Amino acid sequence: MDKEKKSWDSSHLWTEELDFLKSIINKTGLTETIKWGSPVYIYNNKNVLGLGGFKSYFGLWFFKGIFLKDESNVLVNANEENTKSLRQMRFTSIDEIDEKLVLQYIYEAIEVEKSGLEIKPEKRETVIPELLQKELNNNPELQTAFDGLPPYKQREHCEHIESAKREATKLSRLEKCKPLILEGKGLNDKYR
């Protein structure tokens, strides 16, 4: 077996197994693309499923797996706190792969995509820290600039100020944020 590294096998452990899963996926008519360094299969430019190998398992992940019936109870939520809709189908051996079952889940995932089902992101309310609110009340120019920021930039500033434990640190952060707000910048713009 050729042990050359493939983009979908970060551990070098599952080359044959991932090639087998890939051959199954290729029967479905999905289009393969590379995203996040791994193969992702799309339908009408929408992510349907991905493929990858890790240290202790390999498998598929369904981007809208929450909507799959999962009558065989094979799907796993990899991160309960952060993952709303993604579900994984994990394997530790090529012998565990039931081609008929894998195809059934893939075709159901395609139907989910065709139907347009999706989980809408939760709207997060921006809580303005008391220190910032006082400053906004006393400075109409700052208030106007703050109101003109997109909600995610407003949240960045608010969370940065409020996350400080000491009052002195909160004041220091407020002073750092004021010129950025007036320039219409978010706290993390330099990283974007």
N, C-alpha and C. Protein backbone atom coordinates (compact mmCIF):
# COMPACT_ATOMS: atom_id res chain seq x y z
N MET A 1 0.85 -1.19 0.00
CA MET A 1 0.00 0.00 0.00
C MET A 1 0.88 1.24 0.00
N ASP A 2 0.54 2.22 -0.81
CA ASP A 2 1.27 3.47 -0.92
C ASP A 2 0.99 4.33 0.31
N LYS A 3 2.03 4.70 1.05
CA LYS A 3 1.85 5.47 2.28
C LYS A 3 2.07 6.96 2.08
N GLU A 4 2.06 7.43 0.81
CA GLU A 4 2.23 8.87 0.60
C GLU A 4 1.08 9.61 1.26
N LYS A 5 1.39 10.79 1.78
CA LYS A 5 0.37 11.57 2.49
C LYS A 5 -0.64 12.12 1.50
N LYS A 6 -1.89 11.94 1.82
CA LYS A 6 -2.97 12.52 1.02
C LYS A 6 -3.63 13.59 1.86
N SER A 7 -4.21 14.59 1.21
CA SER A 7 -4.76 15.73 1.94
C SER A 7 -5.83 15.33 2.94
N TRP A 8 -6.53 14.25 2.70
CA TRP A 8 -7.62 13.85 3.58
C TRP A 8 -7.17 12.90 4.68
N ASP A 9 -5.87 12.61 4.76
CA ASP A 9 -5.37 11.67 5.75
C ASP A 9 -4.23 12.32 6.52
N SER A 10 -4.56 13.13 7.53
CA SER A 10 -3.55 13.85 8.29
C SER A 10 -2.72 12.93 9.17
N SER A 11 -3.14 11.72 9.39
CA SER A 11 -2.42 10.82 10.30
C SER A 11 -1.60 9.77 9.56
N HIS A 12 -1.75 9.62 8.26
CA HIS A 12 -1.08 8.59 7.44
C HIS A 12 -1.55 7.18 7.79
N LEU A 13 -2.59 7.04 8.58
CA LEU A 13 -3.02 5.73 9.03
C LEU A 13 -4.13 5.11 8.19
N TRP A 14 -4.82 5.90 7.42
CA TRP A 14 -6.09 5.43 6.85
C TRP A 14 -6.16 5.55 5.32
N THR A 15 -5.08 5.50 4.63
CA THR A 15 -5.08 5.74 3.19
C THR A 15 -6.03 4.80 2.44
N GLU A 16 -5.91 3.51 2.66
CA GLU A 16 -6.77 2.53 1.97
C GLU A 16 -8.24 2.74 2.32
N GLU A 17 -8.50 2.98 3.61
CA GLU A 17 -9.86 3.15 4.08
C GLU A 17 -10.51 4.40 3.50
N LEU A 18 -9.76 5.49 3.48
CA LEU A 18 -10.29 6.75 2.93
C LEU A 18 -10.48 6.66 1.42
N ASP A 19 -9.58 5.96 0.75
CA ASP A 19 -9.77 5.74 -0.69
C ASP A 19 -11.07 4.97 -0.94
N PHE A 20 -11.36 4.00 -0.07
CA PHE A 20 -12.60 3.22 -0.22
C PHE A 20 -13.82 4.12 -0.01
N LEU A 21 -13.81 4.94 1.05
CA LEU A 21 -14.93 5.86 1.27
C LEU A 21 -15.07 6.82 0.10
N LYS A 22 -13.95 7.29 -0.41
CA LYS A 22 -13.97 8.21 -1.55
C LYS A 22 -14.62 7.55 -2.76
N SER A 23 -14.33 6.26 -2.98
CA SER A 23 -14.93 5.55 -4.12
C SER A 23 -16.44 5.43 -3.96
N ILE A 24 -16.90 5.31 -2.71
CA ILE A 24 -18.34 5.26 -2.45
C ILE A 24 -18.97 6.62 -2.74
N ILE A 25 -18.35 7.68 -2.23
CA ILE A 25 -18.88 9.04 -2.43
C ILE A 25 -18.94 9.38 -3.91
N ASN A 26 -17.96 8.92 -4.68
CA ASN A 26 -17.91 9.23 -6.11
C ASN A 26 -19.10 8.66 -6.87
N LYS A 27 -19.84 7.73 -6.29
CA LYS A 27 -21.02 7.15 -6.93
C LYS A 27 -22.25 8.05 -6.80
N THR A 28 -22.15 9.12 -5.99
CA THR A 28 -23.33 9.91 -5.65
C THR A 28 -23.56 11.13 -6.54
N GLY A 29 -22.57 11.51 -7.33
CA GLY A 29 -22.72 12.70 -8.17
C GLY A 29 -22.36 14.00 -7.47
N LEU A 30 -21.91 13.94 -6.23
CA LEU A 30 -21.46 15.15 -5.54
C LEU A 30 -20.15 15.62 -6.16
N THR A 31 -19.89 16.90 -6.07
CA THR A 31 -18.66 17.48 -6.61
C THR A 31 -17.64 17.61 -5.49
N GLU A 32 -16.42 17.15 -5.75
CA GLU A 32 -15.36 17.24 -4.75
C GLU A 32 -14.62 18.57 -4.86
N THR A 33 -14.33 19.15 -3.71
CA THR A 33 -13.51 20.35 -3.61
C THR A 33 -12.65 20.19 -2.37
N ILE A 34 -11.65 21.02 -2.21
CA ILE A 34 -10.82 20.98 -1.01
C ILE A 34 -11.11 22.22 -0.18
N LYS A 35 -11.50 22.00 1.06
CA LYS A 35 -11.73 23.10 2.01
C LYS A 35 -11.11 22.69 3.33
N TRP A 36 -10.48 23.63 3.99
CA TRP A 36 -9.84 23.36 5.28
C TRP A 36 -8.84 22.21 5.17
N GLY A 37 -8.23 22.04 3.99
CA GLY A 37 -7.22 21.02 3.79
C GLY A 37 -7.76 19.61 3.61
N SER A 38 -9.05 19.45 3.46
CA SER A 38 -9.67 18.13 3.32
C SER A 38 -10.70 18.15 2.21
N PRO A 39 -10.99 16.98 1.64
CA PRO A 39 -12.04 16.92 0.63
C PRO A 39 -13.40 17.23 1.25
N VAL A 40 -14.12 18.09 0.57
CA VAL A 40 -15.50 18.41 0.94
C VAL A 40 -16.33 18.20 -0.32
N TYR A 41 -17.47 17.55 -0.17
CA TYR A 41 -18.32 17.24 -1.30
C TYR A 41 -19.53 18.16 -1.27
N ILE A 42 -19.79 18.77 -2.42
CA ILE A 42 -20.81 19.82 -2.48
C ILE A 42 -21.92 19.46 -3.47
N TYR A 43 -23.08 20.07 -3.23
CA TYR A 43 -24.22 19.99 -4.14
C TYR A 43 -24.70 21.43 -4.33
N ASN A 44 -24.75 21.90 -5.56
CA ASN A 44 -25.13 23.29 -5.85
C ASN A 44 -24.34 24.29 -5.00
N ASN A 45 -23.03 24.06 -4.93
CA ASN A 45 -22.10 24.93 -4.18
C ASN A 45 -22.37 24.97 -2.68
N LYS A 46 -23.08 24.01 -2.15
CA LYS A 46 -23.33 23.92 -0.71
C LYS A 46 -22.63 22.68 -0.16
N ASN A 47 -21.97 22.83 0.98
CA ASN A 47 -21.27 21.72 1.62
C ASN A 47 -22.27 20.66 2.06
N VAL A 48 -22.03 19.41 1.65
CA VAL A 48 -22.88 18.30 2.07
C VAL A 48 -22.14 17.40 3.05
N LEU A 49 -20.91 17.00 2.68
CA LEU A 49 -20.14 16.14 3.57
C LEU A 49 -18.65 16.33 3.35
N GLY A 50 -17.89 15.92 4.35
CA GLY A 50 -16.44 15.97 4.28
C GLY A 50 -15.87 14.60 4.61
N LEU A 51 -14.57 14.44 4.36
CA LEU A 51 -13.89 13.16 4.52
C LEU A 51 -12.56 13.42 5.21
N GLY A 52 -12.18 12.58 6.20
CA GLY A 52 -10.90 12.79 6.85
C GLY A 52 -10.47 11.63 7.71
N GLY A 53 -9.15 11.60 7.96
CA GLY A 53 -8.56 10.61 8.84
C GLY A 53 -7.86 11.28 10.01
N PHE A 54 -8.01 10.70 11.18
CA PHE A 54 -7.43 11.26 12.39
C PHE A 54 -6.65 10.15 13.10
N LYS A 55 -6.12 10.42 14.27
CA LYS A 55 -5.30 9.42 14.97
C LYS A 55 -6.07 8.14 15.25
N SER A 56 -7.24 8.27 15.86
CA SER A 56 -7.93 7.07 16.33
C SER A 56 -9.12 6.65 15.47
N TYR A 57 -9.44 7.42 14.44
CA TYR A 57 -10.56 7.05 13.57
C TYR A 57 -10.47 7.80 12.25
N PHE A 58 -11.29 7.38 11.32
CA PHE A 58 -11.47 8.07 10.04
C PHE A 58 -12.96 8.13 9.79
N GLY A 59 -13.37 8.97 8.85
CA GLY A 59 -14.79 8.98 8.60
C GLY A 59 -15.29 10.12 7.76
N LEU A 60 -16.60 10.27 7.80
CA LEU A 60 -17.32 11.30 7.07
C LEU A 60 -17.95 12.24 8.07
N TRP A 61 -18.10 13.49 7.68
CA TRP A 61 -18.91 14.39 8.49
C TRP A 61 -19.94 15.02 7.59
N PHE A 62 -21.15 15.08 8.10
CA PHE A 62 -22.29 15.63 7.38
C PHE A 62 -22.56 17.02 7.93
N PHE A 63 -22.46 18.03 7.07
CA PHE A 63 -22.60 19.41 7.52
C PHE A 63 -23.98 19.70 8.11
N LYS A 64 -25.01 19.04 7.61
CA LYS A 64 -26.35 19.22 8.16
C LYS A 64 -26.86 17.90 8.73
N GLY A 65 -25.96 17.21 9.41
CA GLY A 65 -26.26 15.89 9.97
C GLY A 65 -27.37 15.88 11.00
N ILE A 66 -27.61 17.01 11.63
CA ILE A 66 -28.69 17.11 12.62
C ILE A 66 -30.04 16.77 11.99
N PHE A 67 -30.17 16.97 10.69
CA PHE A 67 -31.44 16.72 10.01
C PHE A 67 -31.57 15.29 9.48
N LEU A 68 -30.50 14.50 9.59
CA LEU A 68 -30.58 13.11 9.12
C LEU A 68 -31.33 12.26 10.15
N LYS A 69 -32.10 11.29 9.69
CA LYS A 69 -32.90 10.46 10.59
C LYS A 69 -32.03 9.63 11.52
N ASP A 70 -30.90 9.16 11.04
CA ASP A 70 -29.94 8.35 11.81
C ASP A 70 -30.61 7.16 12.49
N GLU A 71 -31.41 6.43 11.72
CA GLU A 71 -32.10 5.25 12.26
C GLU A 71 -31.14 4.17 12.71
N SER A 72 -29.92 4.14 12.16
CA SER A 72 -28.93 3.15 12.56
C SER A 72 -28.08 3.63 13.74
N ASN A 73 -28.34 4.85 14.19
CA ASN A 73 -27.66 5.42 15.34
C ASN A 73 -26.13 5.37 15.20
N VAL A 74 -25.64 5.87 14.06
CA VAL A 74 -24.20 5.83 13.79
C VAL A 74 -23.56 7.22 13.80
N LEU A 75 -24.34 8.26 13.94
CA LEU A 75 -23.79 9.62 13.87
C LEU A 75 -23.39 10.13 15.25
N VAL A 76 -22.30 10.89 15.27
CA VAL A 76 -21.73 11.43 16.51
C VAL A 76 -21.65 12.94 16.39
N ASN A 77 -21.99 13.65 17.47
CA ASN A 77 -21.74 15.08 17.54
C ASN A 77 -20.37 15.23 18.18
N ALA A 78 -19.40 15.72 17.42
CA ALA A 78 -18.02 15.77 17.88
C ALA A 78 -17.77 16.81 18.96
N ASN A 79 -18.63 17.82 19.05
CA ASN A 79 -18.40 18.90 20.01
C ASN A 79 -19.74 19.48 20.43
N GLU A 80 -20.31 18.91 21.48
CA GLU A 80 -21.66 19.27 21.93
C GLU A 80 -21.84 20.76 22.18
N GLU A 81 -20.82 21.42 22.75
CA GLU A 81 -20.97 22.83 23.11
C GLU A 81 -21.02 23.74 21.89
N ASN A 82 -20.28 23.40 20.84
CA ASN A 82 -20.11 24.32 19.72
C ASN A 82 -20.77 23.90 18.42
N THR A 83 -21.03 22.63 18.26
CA THR A 83 -21.53 22.13 16.99
C THR A 83 -23.03 21.95 17.04
N LYS A 84 -23.73 22.70 16.21
CA LYS A 84 -25.19 22.62 16.19
C LYS A 84 -25.67 21.57 15.19
N SER A 85 -25.12 21.59 13.96
CA SER A 85 -25.70 20.72 12.94
C SER A 85 -24.76 19.64 12.40
N LEU A 86 -23.46 19.79 12.54
CA LEU A 86 -22.51 18.83 11.99
C LEU A 86 -22.55 17.50 12.76
N ARG A 87 -22.54 16.40 12.02
CA ARG A 87 -22.50 15.07 12.64
C ARG A 87 -21.48 14.22 11.88
N GLN A 88 -20.80 13.34 12.62
CA GLN A 88 -19.76 12.48 12.04
C GLN A 88 -20.21 11.03 12.02
N MET A 89 -19.74 10.32 10.98
CA MET A 89 -19.87 8.87 10.90
C MET A 89 -18.43 8.37 11.00
N ARG A 90 -18.09 7.73 12.11
CA ARG A 90 -16.71 7.34 12.40
C ARG A 90 -16.49 5.84 12.20
N PHE A 91 -15.26 5.52 11.78
CA PHE A 91 -14.85 4.13 11.60
C PHE A 91 -13.44 3.96 12.15
N THR A 92 -13.13 2.74 12.58
CA THR A 92 -11.76 2.42 13.01
C THR A 92 -11.17 1.28 12.19
N SER A 93 -11.95 0.77 11.24
CA SER A 93 -11.49 -0.32 10.39
C SER A 93 -12.29 -0.30 9.08
N ILE A 94 -11.65 -0.73 8.01
CA ILE A 94 -12.34 -0.79 6.72
C ILE A 94 -13.49 -1.79 6.78
N ASP A 95 -13.39 -2.78 7.67
CA ASP A 95 -14.43 -3.80 7.81
C ASP A 95 -15.73 -3.22 8.37
N GLU A 96 -15.66 -2.06 9.02
CA GLU A 96 -16.85 -1.43 9.59
C GLU A 96 -17.69 -0.68 8.56
N ILE A 97 -17.12 -0.47 7.38
CA ILE A 97 -17.81 0.33 6.36
C ILE A 97 -18.86 -0.52 5.66
N ASP A 98 -20.11 -0.14 5.82
CA ASP A 98 -21.22 -0.77 5.11
C ASP A 98 -21.59 0.17 3.96
N GLU A 99 -21.17 -0.19 2.76
CA GLU A 99 -21.35 0.70 1.60
C GLU A 99 -22.80 1.11 1.41
N LYS A 100 -23.71 0.17 1.54
CA LYS A 100 -25.12 0.46 1.35
C LYS A 100 -25.61 1.50 2.38
N LEU A 101 -25.19 1.34 3.63
CA LEU A 101 -25.59 2.27 4.68
C LEU A 101 -24.97 3.66 4.44
N VAL A 102 -23.69 3.69 4.08
CA VAL A 102 -23.02 4.96 3.80
C VAL A 102 -23.75 5.70 2.68
N LEU A 103 -24.07 4.99 1.61
CA LEU A 103 -24.78 5.60 0.49
C LEU A 103 -26.16 6.12 0.92
N GLN A 104 -26.84 5.35 1.77
CA GLN A 104 -28.16 5.77 2.26
C GLN A 104 -28.04 7.12 2.99
N TYR A 105 -27.04 7.26 3.85
CA TYR A 105 -26.85 8.51 4.59
C TYR A 105 -26.45 9.65 3.65
N ILE A 106 -25.60 9.36 2.68
CA ILE A 106 -25.18 10.41 1.74
C ILE A 106 -26.37 10.89 0.92
N TYR A 107 -27.17 9.96 0.40
CA TYR A 107 -28.33 10.38 -0.40
C TYR A 107 -29.34 11.15 0.44
N GLU A 108 -29.49 10.76 1.71
CA GLU A 108 -30.38 11.52 2.59
C GLU A 108 -29.82 12.93 2.81
N ALA A 109 -28.50 13.05 2.97
CA ALA A 109 -27.87 14.36 3.17
C ALA A 109 -28.06 15.24 1.93
N ILE A 110 -28.01 14.65 0.76
CA ILE A 110 -28.25 15.41 -0.48
C ILE A 110 -29.70 15.92 -0.49
N GLU A 111 -30.64 15.08 -0.09
CA GLU A 111 -32.05 15.49 -0.03
C GLU A 111 -32.26 16.62 0.98
N VAL A 112 -31.56 16.54 2.10
CA VAL A 112 -31.63 17.62 3.10
C VAL A 112 -31.16 18.92 2.47
N GLU A 113 -30.07 18.85 1.72
CA GLU A 113 -29.55 20.07 1.07
C GLU A 113 -30.53 20.59 0.03
N LYS A 114 -31.11 19.69 -0.73
CA LYS A 114 -32.09 20.11 -1.74
C LYS A 114 -33.30 20.78 -1.10
N SER A 115 -33.68 20.32 0.09
CA SER A 115 -34.86 20.87 0.75
C SER A 115 -34.61 22.25 1.36
N GLY A 116 -33.35 22.61 1.50
CA GLY A 116 -33.02 23.93 2.05
C GLY A 116 -33.05 24.00 3.57
N LEU A 117 -33.15 22.87 4.25
CA LEU A 117 -33.14 22.89 5.71
C LEU A 117 -31.84 23.48 6.22
N GLU A 118 -31.93 24.29 7.28
CA GLU A 118 -30.72 24.81 7.91
C GLU A 118 -31.05 25.33 9.29
N ILE A 119 -30.02 25.39 10.11
CA ILE A 119 -30.15 25.98 11.44
C ILE A 119 -29.68 27.42 11.32
N LYS A 120 -30.52 28.33 11.69
CA LYS A 120 -30.16 29.74 11.66
C LYS A 120 -29.29 30.05 12.88
N PRO A 121 -28.22 30.82 12.68
CA PRO A 121 -27.39 31.20 13.82
C PRO A 121 -28.20 32.01 14.82
N GLU A 122 -27.93 31.76 16.08
CA GLU A 122 -28.64 32.49 17.13
C GLU A 122 -28.16 33.94 17.14
N LYS A 123 -29.09 34.84 17.27
CA LYS A 123 -28.75 36.26 17.40
C LYS A 123 -28.24 36.47 18.82
N ARG A 124 -27.03 37.01 18.90
CA ARG A 124 -26.48 37.30 20.21
C ARG A 124 -26.70 38.77 20.53
N GLU A 125 -27.25 39.01 21.69
CA GLU A 125 -27.51 40.37 22.11
C GLU A 125 -26.21 40.98 22.64
N THR A 126 -25.94 42.21 22.24
CA THR A 126 -24.76 42.91 22.72
C THR A 126 -25.10 43.60 24.04
N VAL A 127 -24.37 43.25 25.08
CA VAL A 127 -24.54 43.88 26.38
C VAL A 127 -23.44 44.92 26.53
N ILE A 128 -23.84 46.16 26.59
CA ILE A 128 -22.87 47.26 26.67
C ILE A 128 -22.45 47.44 28.12
N PRO A 129 -21.14 47.36 28.40
CA PRO A 129 -20.67 47.55 29.77
C PRO A 129 -21.02 48.96 30.28
N GLU A 130 -21.22 49.04 31.57
CA GLU A 130 -21.62 50.31 32.18
C GLU A 130 -20.62 51.43 31.87
N LEU A 131 -19.34 51.13 31.94
CA LEU A 131 -18.31 52.15 31.66
C LEU A 131 -18.43 52.69 30.24
N LEU A 132 -18.60 51.79 29.29
CA LEU A 132 -18.74 52.21 27.90
C LEU A 132 -20.03 52.99 27.71
N GLN A 133 -21.12 52.54 28.32
CA GLN A 133 -22.40 53.23 28.16
C GLN A 133 -22.32 54.67 28.68
N LYS A 134 -21.64 54.88 29.82
CA LYS A 134 -21.46 56.23 30.35
C LYS A 134 -20.69 57.10 29.35
N GLU A 135 -19.65 56.51 28.77
CA GLU A 135 -18.84 57.25 27.80
C GLU A 135 -19.67 57.59 26.56
N LEU A 136 -20.48 56.64 26.11
CA LEU A 136 -21.34 56.88 24.94
C LEU A 136 -22.36 57.98 25.24
N ASN A 137 -22.92 57.97 26.43
CA ASN A 137 -23.91 59.00 26.82
C ASN A 137 -23.30 60.40 26.85
N ASN A 138 -22.02 60.48 27.21
CA ASN A 138 -21.35 61.78 27.35
C ASN A 138 -20.64 62.23 26.07
N ASN A 139 -20.60 61.37 25.05
CA ASN A 139 -19.86 61.70 23.84
C ASN A 139 -20.70 61.30 22.62
N PRO A 140 -21.50 62.26 22.10
CA PRO A 140 -22.39 61.95 20.97
C PRO A 140 -21.63 61.44 19.73
N GLU A 141 -20.43 61.95 19.50
CA GLU A 141 -19.64 61.49 18.35
C GLU A 141 -19.28 60.01 18.50
N LEU A 142 -18.88 59.62 19.71
CA LEU A 142 -18.56 58.22 19.98
C LEU A 142 -19.82 57.36 19.86
N GLN A 143 -20.96 57.86 20.35
CA GLN A 143 -22.22 57.12 20.26
C GLN A 143 -22.59 56.86 18.80
N THR A 144 -22.47 57.89 17.97
CA THR A 144 -22.79 57.75 16.54
C THR A 144 -21.87 56.73 15.88
N ALA A 145 -20.58 56.83 16.19
CA ALA A 145 -19.62 55.89 15.61
C ALA A 145 -19.90 54.46 16.07
N PHE A 146 -20.21 54.29 17.36
CA PHE A 146 -20.51 52.96 17.90
C PHE A 146 -21.75 52.39 17.24
N ASP A 147 -22.79 53.20 17.11
CA ASP A 147 -24.03 52.76 16.46
C ASP A 147 -23.80 52.36 15.01
N GLY A 148 -22.80 52.96 14.38
CA GLY A 148 -22.50 52.65 12.98
C GLY A 148 -21.69 51.37 12.79
N LEU A 149 -21.17 50.81 13.87
CA LEU A 149 -20.40 49.56 13.77
C LEU A 149 -21.34 48.38 13.58
N PRO A 150 -20.91 47.38 12.82
CA PRO A 150 -21.71 46.15 12.74
C PRO A 150 -21.78 45.49 14.12
N PRO A 151 -22.83 44.73 14.38
CA PRO A 151 -22.99 44.12 15.71
C PRO A 151 -21.78 43.32 16.19
N TYR A 152 -21.10 42.60 15.30
CA TYR A 152 -19.97 41.79 15.77
C TYR A 152 -18.82 42.68 16.24
N LYS A 153 -18.63 43.85 15.64
CA LYS A 153 -17.58 44.76 16.10
C LYS A 153 -17.99 45.41 17.42
N GLN A 154 -19.25 45.73 17.57
CA GLN A 154 -19.73 46.26 18.85
C GLN A 154 -19.46 45.24 19.96
N ARG A 155 -19.79 43.96 19.68
CA ARG A 155 -19.57 42.89 20.66
C ARG A 155 -18.10 42.75 21.03
N GLU A 156 -17.22 42.84 20.02
CA GLU A 156 -15.78 42.72 20.30
C GLU A 156 -15.35 43.75 21.34
N HIS A 157 -15.74 44.99 21.13
CA HIS A 157 -15.36 46.05 22.06
C HIS A 157 -15.98 45.82 23.44
N CYS A 158 -17.26 45.52 23.47
CA CYS A 158 -17.96 45.31 24.74
C CYS A 158 -17.36 44.14 25.52
N GLU A 159 -17.13 43.04 24.86
CA GLU A 159 -16.59 41.86 25.54
C GLU A 159 -15.17 42.11 26.02
N HIS A 160 -14.39 42.84 25.22
CA HIS A 160 -13.01 43.15 25.60
C HIS A 160 -12.99 43.98 26.88
N ILE A 161 -13.83 44.97 26.94
CA ILE A 161 -13.88 45.84 28.13
C ILE A 161 -14.42 45.06 29.33
N GLU A 162 -15.52 44.36 29.15
CA GLU A 162 -16.20 43.69 30.26
C GLU A 162 -15.43 42.49 30.79
N SER A 163 -14.59 41.87 29.98
CA SER A 163 -13.88 40.66 30.43
C SER A 163 -12.74 40.96 31.40
N ALA A 164 -12.34 42.21 31.52
CA ALA A 164 -11.30 42.56 32.49
C ALA A 164 -11.83 42.40 33.90
N LYS A 165 -10.97 41.93 34.80
CA LYS A 165 -11.39 41.72 36.19
C LYS A 165 -11.29 43.00 37.01
N ARG A 166 -10.22 43.74 36.79
CA ARG A 166 -9.99 44.95 37.58
C ARG A 166 -10.60 46.17 36.90
N GLU A 167 -11.09 47.08 37.70
CA GLU A 167 -11.68 48.32 37.19
C GLU A 167 -10.66 49.13 36.39
N ALA A 168 -9.43 49.17 36.87
CA ALA A 168 -8.37 49.92 36.18
C ALA A 168 -8.13 49.34 34.78
N THR A 169 -8.18 48.03 34.67
CA THR A 169 -7.98 47.39 33.37
C THR A 169 -9.16 47.70 32.44
N LYS A 170 -10.37 47.71 32.99
CA LYS A 170 -11.54 48.06 32.19
C LYS A 170 -11.41 49.48 31.65
N LEU A 171 -10.97 50.40 32.49
CA LEU A 171 -10.78 51.79 32.05
C LEU A 171 -9.71 51.89 30.97
N SER A 172 -8.62 51.17 31.16
CA SER A 172 -7.54 51.15 30.17
C SER A 172 -8.03 50.61 28.83
N ARG A 173 -8.79 49.55 28.88
CA ARG A 173 -9.33 48.96 27.65
C ARG A 173 -10.33 49.91 26.98
N LEU A 174 -11.13 50.59 27.77
CA LEU A 174 -12.06 51.56 27.22
C LEU A 174 -11.30 52.64 26.45
N GLU A 175 -10.22 53.15 27.03
CA GLU A 175 -9.42 54.18 26.37
C GLU A 175 -8.80 53.65 25.07
N LYS A 176 -8.43 52.38 25.05
CA LYS A 176 -7.87 51.76 23.84
C LYS A 176 -8.94 51.61 22.76
N CYS A 177 -10.16 51.32 23.17
CA CYS A 177 -11.25 51.07 22.21
C CYS A 177 -11.81 52.36 21.60
N LYS A 178 -11.80 53.44 22.35
CA LYS A 178 -12.43 54.68 21.86
C LYS A 178 -11.91 55.13 20.49
N PRO A 179 -10.59 55.22 20.27
CA PRO A 179 -10.14 55.66 18.94
C PRO A 179 -10.51 54.66 17.84
N LEU A 180 -10.52 53.38 18.17
CA LEU A 180 -10.90 52.37 17.18
C LEU A 180 -12.37 52.53 16.79
N ILE A 181 -13.20 52.76 17.77
CA ILE A 181 -14.64 52.96 17.51
C ILE A 181 -14.83 54.19 16.62
N LEU A 182 -14.14 55.26 16.95
CA LEU A 182 -14.26 56.50 16.16
C LEU A 182 -13.79 56.30 14.71
N GLU A 183 -12.84 55.37 14.50
CA GLU A 183 -12.35 55.07 13.15
C GLU A 183 -13.21 54.02 12.45
N GLY A 184 -14.21 53.50 13.15
CA GLY A 184 -15.07 52.46 12.57
C GLY A 184 -14.43 51.11 12.54
N LYS A 185 -13.46 50.88 13.42
CA LYS A 185 -12.72 49.62 13.42
C LYS A 185 -13.16 48.73 14.57
N GLY A 186 -13.09 47.45 14.30
CA GLY A 186 -13.31 46.46 15.35
C GLY A 186 -12.00 46.17 16.04
N LEU A 187 -12.08 45.55 17.17
CA LEU A 187 -10.89 45.23 17.95
C LEU A 187 -9.96 44.28 17.21
N ASN A 188 -10.52 43.38 16.41
CA ASN A 188 -9.72 42.35 15.75
C ASN A 188 -9.53 42.58 14.26
N ASP A 189 -9.78 43.79 13.78
CA ASP A 189 -9.66 44.07 12.34
C ASP A 189 -8.27 43.79 11.80
N LYS A 190 -7.24 44.03 12.60
CA LYS A 190 -5.88 43.82 12.09
C LYS A 190 -5.59 42.35 11.80
N TYR A 191 -6.41 41.43 12.33
CA TYR A 191 -6.23 40.00 12.08
C TYR A 191 -7.07 39.49 10.92
N ARG A 192 -7.94 40.32 10.38
CA ARG A 192 -8.84 39.86 9.32
C ARG A 192 -8.18 40.05 7.98
